[in-house]
Amino acid sequence: MNETSLTYFYDALIASRAIQSFCSEHSFDDYCSNDLLSSAVERKFEIIGEALNRIKKTSPEDLSAISNWPAIIGFRNILAHTYDHVEEAVIWGIVTQQIPKFILELEAINGIEG
């Protein structure tokens, strides 16, 4: 795996950990009623998707380390371009069910520091 991909994977890891940290003491109701929290989470999702998209453009073979990378990039595009159609429950489900798995996948990539 090349250094550029490792850098982007690291960016995705940091953003994923931030999402987990932001939400760890909050409920779904908190997420829905706190614009600062929801905005921060959505921004970190955009960073994750963009990082993987950059890997796709430069070294797509490196994405084999991530099980669901097309959906992650697609989710970023939805947040960025059709933000008004994203349900809060969907985002919260990804936060609680997918982010922990994604972090484990990223941490398993040899060469990522963090």
N, C-alpha and C. Protein backbone atom coordinates (compact mmCIF):
# COMPACT_ATOMS: atom_id res chain seq x y z
N MET A 1 0.86 -1.18 0.00
CA MET A 1 0.00 0.00 0.00
C MET A 1 0.90 1.24 0.00
N ASN A 2 0.52 2.22 -0.80
CA ASN A 2 1.38 3.40 -0.89
C ASN A 2 1.11 4.41 0.23
N GLU A 3 2.05 5.32 0.41
CA GLU A 3 1.98 6.31 1.49
C GLU A 3 0.78 7.24 1.36
N THR A 4 0.42 7.58 0.13
CA THR A 4 -0.72 8.47 -0.07
C THR A 4 -2.00 7.81 0.43
N SER A 5 -2.20 6.55 0.10
CA SER A 5 -3.39 5.84 0.58
C SER A 5 -3.38 5.75 2.10
N LEU A 6 -2.24 5.47 2.67
CA LEU A 6 -2.15 5.39 4.14
C LEU A 6 -2.53 6.72 4.78
N THR A 7 -2.12 7.82 4.16
CA THR A 7 -2.48 9.14 4.68
C THR A 7 -3.99 9.35 4.64
N TYR A 8 -4.61 8.98 3.52
CA TYR A 8 -6.06 9.13 3.42
C TYR A 8 -6.80 8.19 4.36
N PHE A 9 -6.31 6.97 4.52
CA PHE A 9 -6.92 6.05 5.49
C PHE A 9 -6.79 6.61 6.90
N TYR A 10 -5.67 7.21 7.19
CA TYR A 10 -5.48 7.83 8.50
C TYR A 10 -6.48 8.97 8.71
N ASP A 11 -6.67 9.79 7.69
CA ASP A 11 -7.67 10.86 7.78
C ASP A 11 -9.06 10.29 8.07
N ALA A 12 -9.40 9.19 7.41
CA ALA A 12 -10.69 8.54 7.63
C ALA A 12 -10.79 7.99 9.05
N LEU A 13 -9.69 7.45 9.55
CA LEU A 13 -9.68 6.93 10.91
C LEU A 13 -9.89 8.04 11.93
N ILE A 14 -9.18 9.13 11.77
CA ILE A 14 -9.33 10.26 12.70
C ILE A 14 -10.77 10.80 12.66
N ALA A 15 -11.33 10.92 11.47
CA ALA A 15 -12.71 11.42 11.35
C ALA A 15 -13.70 10.44 11.98
N SER A 16 -13.46 9.15 11.80
CA SER A 16 -14.35 8.13 12.38
C SER A 16 -14.30 8.15 13.90
N ARG A 17 -13.10 8.26 14.42
CA ARG A 17 -12.96 8.35 15.88
C ARG A 17 -13.62 9.60 16.42
N ALA A 18 -13.55 10.69 15.66
CA ALA A 18 -14.21 11.93 16.09
C ALA A 18 -15.71 11.74 16.15
N ILE A 19 -16.28 11.09 15.15
CA ILE A 19 -17.72 10.81 15.17
C ILE A 19 -18.08 10.01 16.41
N GLN A 20 -17.31 8.98 16.67
CA GLN A 20 -17.57 8.14 17.84
C GLN A 20 -17.47 8.96 19.13
N SER A 21 -16.47 9.81 19.21
CA SER A 21 -16.29 10.65 20.39
C SER A 21 -17.43 11.66 20.54
N PHE A 22 -17.78 12.30 19.44
CA PHE A 22 -18.85 13.30 19.49
C PHE A 22 -20.15 12.70 20.00
N CYS A 23 -20.42 11.46 19.60
CA CYS A 23 -21.73 10.86 19.86
C CYS A 23 -21.77 9.96 21.09
N SER A 24 -20.64 9.69 21.69
CA SER A 24 -20.58 8.68 22.75
C SER A 24 -21.45 8.99 23.95
N GLU A 25 -21.64 10.23 24.26
CA GLU A 25 -22.44 10.61 25.42
C GLU A 25 -23.81 11.15 25.03
N HIS A 26 -24.21 10.91 23.79
CA HIS A 26 -25.45 11.49 23.30
C HIS A 26 -26.42 10.41 22.81
N SER A 27 -27.68 10.76 22.82
CA SER A 27 -28.74 9.89 22.32
C SER A 27 -29.16 10.35 20.93
N PHE A 28 -30.00 9.55 20.31
CA PHE A 28 -30.56 9.93 19.02
C PHE A 28 -31.31 11.25 19.13
N ASP A 29 -32.07 11.43 20.19
CA ASP A 29 -32.80 12.69 20.38
C ASP A 29 -31.84 13.87 20.48
N ASP A 30 -30.71 13.67 21.17
CA ASP A 30 -29.71 14.74 21.23
C ASP A 30 -29.21 15.08 19.84
N TYR A 31 -28.92 14.04 19.06
CA TYR A 31 -28.42 14.25 17.71
C TYR A 31 -29.42 15.07 16.89
N CYS A 32 -30.69 14.73 17.00
CA CYS A 32 -31.74 15.40 16.22
C CYS A 32 -31.94 16.85 16.65
N SER A 33 -31.72 17.14 17.91
CA SER A 33 -32.02 18.48 18.41
C SER A 33 -30.79 19.38 18.52
N ASN A 34 -29.61 18.84 18.28
CA ASN A 34 -28.39 19.62 18.44
C ASN A 34 -27.74 19.84 17.07
N ASP A 35 -27.95 21.02 16.53
CA ASP A 35 -27.44 21.32 15.19
C ASP A 35 -25.91 21.27 15.14
N LEU A 36 -25.26 21.68 16.20
CA LEU A 36 -23.80 21.63 16.23
C LEU A 36 -23.31 20.20 16.15
N LEU A 37 -23.93 19.30 16.90
CA LEU A 37 -23.55 17.89 16.89
C LEU A 37 -23.80 17.27 15.52
N SER A 38 -24.99 17.46 14.98
CA SER A 38 -25.30 16.84 13.69
C SER A 38 -24.43 17.41 12.57
N SER A 39 -24.15 18.70 12.62
CA SER A 39 -23.29 19.31 11.60
C SER A 39 -21.87 18.76 11.68
N ALA A 40 -21.37 18.59 12.88
CA ALA A 40 -20.01 18.06 13.06
C ALA A 40 -19.92 16.62 12.57
N VAL A 41 -20.92 15.82 12.89
CA VAL A 41 -20.93 14.42 12.45
C VAL A 41 -20.99 14.34 10.93
N GLU A 42 -21.87 15.10 10.34
CA GLU A 42 -22.01 15.08 8.87
C GLU A 42 -20.72 15.53 8.20
N ARG A 43 -20.06 16.52 8.73
CA ARG A 43 -18.78 16.98 8.16
C ARG A 43 -17.74 15.87 8.20
N LYS A 44 -17.67 15.16 9.31
CA LYS A 44 -16.70 14.07 9.43
C LYS A 44 -17.03 12.94 8.45
N PHE A 45 -18.31 12.67 8.22
CA PHE A 45 -18.69 11.68 7.21
C PHE A 45 -18.24 12.13 5.81
N GLU A 46 -18.35 13.41 5.54
CA GLU A 46 -17.89 13.93 4.25
C GLU A 46 -16.38 13.72 4.10
N ILE A 47 -15.63 13.95 5.16
CA ILE A 47 -14.17 13.74 5.12
C ILE A 47 -13.86 12.27 4.86
N ILE A 48 -14.55 11.38 5.54
CA ILE A 48 -14.33 9.94 5.34
C ILE A 48 -14.57 9.56 3.89
N GLY A 49 -15.71 9.96 3.35
CA GLY A 49 -16.04 9.62 1.98
C GLY A 49 -15.08 10.21 0.98
N GLU A 50 -14.66 11.44 1.22
CA GLU A 50 -13.72 12.09 0.31
C GLU A 50 -12.36 11.42 0.37
N ALA A 51 -11.92 11.04 1.55
CA ALA A 51 -10.63 10.33 1.68
C ALA A 51 -10.65 9.04 0.87
N LEU A 52 -11.73 8.26 1.00
CA LEU A 52 -11.82 7.01 0.24
C LEU A 52 -11.95 7.27 -1.25
N ASN A 53 -12.64 8.33 -1.62
CA ASN A 53 -12.76 8.69 -3.03
C ASN A 53 -11.40 9.04 -3.63
N ARG A 54 -10.57 9.70 -2.86
CA ARG A 54 -9.23 10.04 -3.36
C ARG A 54 -8.39 8.78 -3.55
N ILE A 55 -8.55 7.82 -2.64
CA ILE A 55 -7.85 6.54 -2.81
C ILE A 55 -8.35 5.85 -4.07
N LYS A 56 -9.64 5.89 -4.29
CA LYS A 56 -10.24 5.28 -5.49
C LYS A 56 -9.62 5.85 -6.75
N LYS A 57 -9.35 7.13 -6.76
CA LYS A 57 -8.80 7.79 -7.95
C LYS A 57 -7.31 7.50 -8.16
N THR A 58 -6.58 7.28 -7.07
CA THR A 58 -5.13 7.13 -7.19
C THR A 58 -4.66 5.68 -7.08
N SER A 59 -5.27 4.91 -6.19
CA SER A 59 -4.83 3.53 -5.94
C SER A 59 -6.03 2.67 -5.56
N PRO A 60 -6.95 2.44 -6.49
CA PRO A 60 -8.20 1.75 -6.14
C PRO A 60 -7.98 0.36 -5.52
N GLU A 61 -6.87 -0.28 -5.85
CA GLU A 61 -6.61 -1.60 -5.28
C GLU A 61 -6.45 -1.54 -3.76
N ASP A 62 -6.07 -0.41 -3.22
CA ASP A 62 -5.91 -0.27 -1.78
C ASP A 62 -7.25 -0.30 -1.03
N LEU A 63 -8.32 -0.03 -1.74
CA LEU A 63 -9.64 -0.04 -1.10
C LEU A 63 -10.12 -1.43 -0.73
N SER A 64 -9.41 -2.46 -1.15
CA SER A 64 -9.79 -3.82 -0.78
C SER A 64 -9.75 -4.03 0.73
N ALA A 65 -9.09 -3.15 1.44
CA ALA A 65 -9.03 -3.23 2.90
C ALA A 65 -10.34 -2.82 3.57
N ILE A 66 -11.22 -2.19 2.80
CA ILE A 66 -12.48 -1.67 3.35
C ILE A 66 -13.65 -2.42 2.70
N SER A 67 -14.47 -3.05 3.53
CA SER A 67 -15.50 -3.94 3.00
C SER A 67 -16.60 -3.24 2.22
N ASN A 68 -16.96 -2.05 2.58
CA ASN A 68 -18.12 -1.42 1.95
C ASN A 68 -17.78 -0.03 1.41
N TRP A 69 -16.62 0.10 0.79
CA TRP A 69 -16.17 1.42 0.37
C TRP A 69 -17.08 2.10 -0.64
N PRO A 70 -17.73 1.40 -1.58
CA PRO A 70 -18.60 2.14 -2.51
C PRO A 70 -19.76 2.83 -1.79
N ALA A 71 -20.33 2.17 -0.80
CA ALA A 71 -21.44 2.77 -0.04
C ALA A 71 -20.97 3.96 0.77
N ILE A 72 -19.75 3.90 1.28
CA ILE A 72 -19.21 5.01 2.07
C ILE A 72 -19.02 6.24 1.19
N ILE A 73 -18.44 6.04 0.02
CA ILE A 73 -18.28 7.15 -0.92
C ILE A 73 -19.65 7.67 -1.35
N GLY A 74 -20.57 6.78 -1.62
CA GLY A 74 -21.92 7.17 -2.02
C GLY A 74 -22.62 7.97 -0.94
N PHE A 75 -22.43 7.58 0.31
CA PHE A 75 -23.05 8.30 1.42
C PHE A 75 -22.51 9.72 1.51
N ARG A 76 -21.22 9.87 1.28
CA ARG A 76 -20.61 11.20 1.27
C ARG A 76 -21.25 12.06 0.19
N ASN A 77 -21.47 11.48 -0.97
CA ASN A 77 -22.08 12.23 -2.07
C ASN A 77 -23.52 12.63 -1.75
N ILE A 78 -24.24 11.75 -1.10
CA ILE A 78 -25.61 12.07 -0.68
C ILE A 78 -25.60 13.23 0.30
N LEU A 79 -24.72 13.16 1.30
CA LEU A 79 -24.64 14.25 2.28
C LEU A 79 -24.29 15.58 1.63
N ALA A 80 -23.39 15.54 0.67
CA ALA A 80 -22.92 16.77 0.05
C ALA A 80 -23.91 17.34 -0.96
N HIS A 81 -24.63 16.46 -1.67
CA HIS A 81 -25.44 16.94 -2.79
C HIS A 81 -26.94 16.83 -2.60
N THR A 82 -27.38 15.88 -1.79
CA THR A 82 -28.82 15.74 -1.55
C THR A 82 -29.10 15.70 -0.05
N TYR A 83 -28.43 16.59 0.64
CA TYR A 83 -28.51 16.67 2.10
C TYR A 83 -29.93 16.77 2.63
N ASP A 84 -30.81 17.35 1.86
CA ASP A 84 -32.18 17.56 2.32
C ASP A 84 -33.03 16.29 2.28
N HIS A 85 -32.46 15.20 1.78
CA HIS A 85 -33.20 13.94 1.72
C HIS A 85 -32.63 12.87 2.65
N VAL A 86 -31.69 13.25 3.50
CA VAL A 86 -31.08 12.29 4.41
C VAL A 86 -31.85 12.28 5.72
N GLU A 87 -32.26 11.11 6.12
CA GLU A 87 -32.99 10.97 7.38
C GLU A 87 -32.02 10.86 8.54
N GLU A 88 -32.33 11.56 9.61
CA GLU A 88 -31.47 11.54 10.79
C GLU A 88 -31.30 10.14 11.35
N ALA A 89 -32.35 9.33 11.26
CA ALA A 89 -32.28 7.96 11.77
C ALA A 89 -31.27 7.12 11.00
N VAL A 90 -31.14 7.39 9.71
CA VAL A 90 -30.16 6.67 8.89
C VAL A 90 -28.75 7.03 9.35
N ILE A 91 -28.51 8.33 9.52
CA ILE A 91 -27.19 8.76 9.97
C ILE A 91 -26.88 8.17 11.34
N TRP A 92 -27.82 8.24 12.24
CA TRP A 92 -27.59 7.71 13.59
C TRP A 92 -27.34 6.20 13.55
N GLY A 93 -28.03 5.49 12.69
CA GLY A 93 -27.78 4.06 12.55
C GLY A 93 -26.37 3.77 12.08
N ILE A 94 -25.87 4.58 11.17
CA ILE A 94 -24.49 4.41 10.70
C ILE A 94 -23.52 4.73 11.83
N VAL A 95 -23.81 5.78 12.57
CA VAL A 95 -22.95 6.15 13.71
C VAL A 95 -22.85 5.00 14.70
N THR A 96 -23.98 4.41 15.04
CA THR A 96 -23.98 3.41 16.11
C THR A 96 -23.64 2.00 15.64
N GLN A 97 -23.94 1.67 14.39
CA GLN A 97 -23.74 0.30 13.94
C GLN A 97 -22.56 0.12 13.00
N GLN A 98 -22.26 1.11 12.17
CA GLN A 98 -21.22 0.94 11.16
C GLN A 98 -19.88 1.56 11.52
N ILE A 99 -19.90 2.69 12.19
CA ILE A 99 -18.63 3.35 12.51
C ILE A 99 -17.72 2.46 13.37
N PRO A 100 -18.22 1.77 14.38
CA PRO A 100 -17.30 0.91 15.16
C PRO A 100 -16.62 -0.16 14.29
N LYS A 101 -17.36 -0.75 13.36
CA LYS A 101 -16.79 -1.75 12.45
C LYS A 101 -15.78 -1.12 11.50
N PHE A 102 -16.11 0.05 11.01
CA PHE A 102 -15.23 0.76 10.09
C PHE A 102 -13.90 1.11 10.77
N ILE A 103 -13.98 1.55 12.02
CA ILE A 103 -12.76 1.87 12.77
C ILE A 103 -11.88 0.62 12.89
N LEU A 104 -12.49 -0.50 13.18
CA LEU A 104 -11.71 -1.75 13.28
C LEU A 104 -11.03 -2.10 11.96
N GLU A 105 -11.73 -1.91 10.86
CA GLU A 105 -11.13 -2.17 9.55
C GLU A 105 -9.93 -1.25 9.30
N LEU A 106 -10.11 0.03 9.64
CA LEU A 106 -9.03 0.98 9.43
C LEU A 106 -7.83 0.66 10.32
N GLU A 107 -8.11 0.32 11.56
CA GLU A 107 -7.02 0.02 12.50
C GLU A 107 -6.25 -1.23 12.09
N ALA A 108 -6.86 -2.10 11.31
CA ALA A 108 -6.21 -3.33 10.87
C ALA A 108 -5.29 -3.11 9.66
N ILE A 109 -5.35 -1.93 9.07
CA ILE A 109 -4.48 -1.65 7.91
C ILE A 109 -3.06 -1.41 8.43
N ASN A 110 -2.16 -2.22 7.95
CA ASN A 110 -0.77 -2.12 8.37
C ASN A 110 -0.15 -0.82 7.86
N GLY A 111 0.40 -0.03 8.77
CA GLY A 111 1.06 1.19 8.39
C GLY A 111 0.32 2.45 8.79
N ILE A 112 -0.93 2.30 9.21
CA ILE A 112 -1.67 3.49 9.69
C ILE A 112 -1.21 3.77 11.11
N GLU A 113 -0.86 5.00 11.33
CA GLU A 113 -0.47 5.41 12.68
C GLU A 113 -1.68 6.06 13.34
N GLY A 114 -1.84 5.83 14.60
CA GLY A 114 -2.94 6.46 15.30
C GLY A 114 -3.46 5.59 16.34
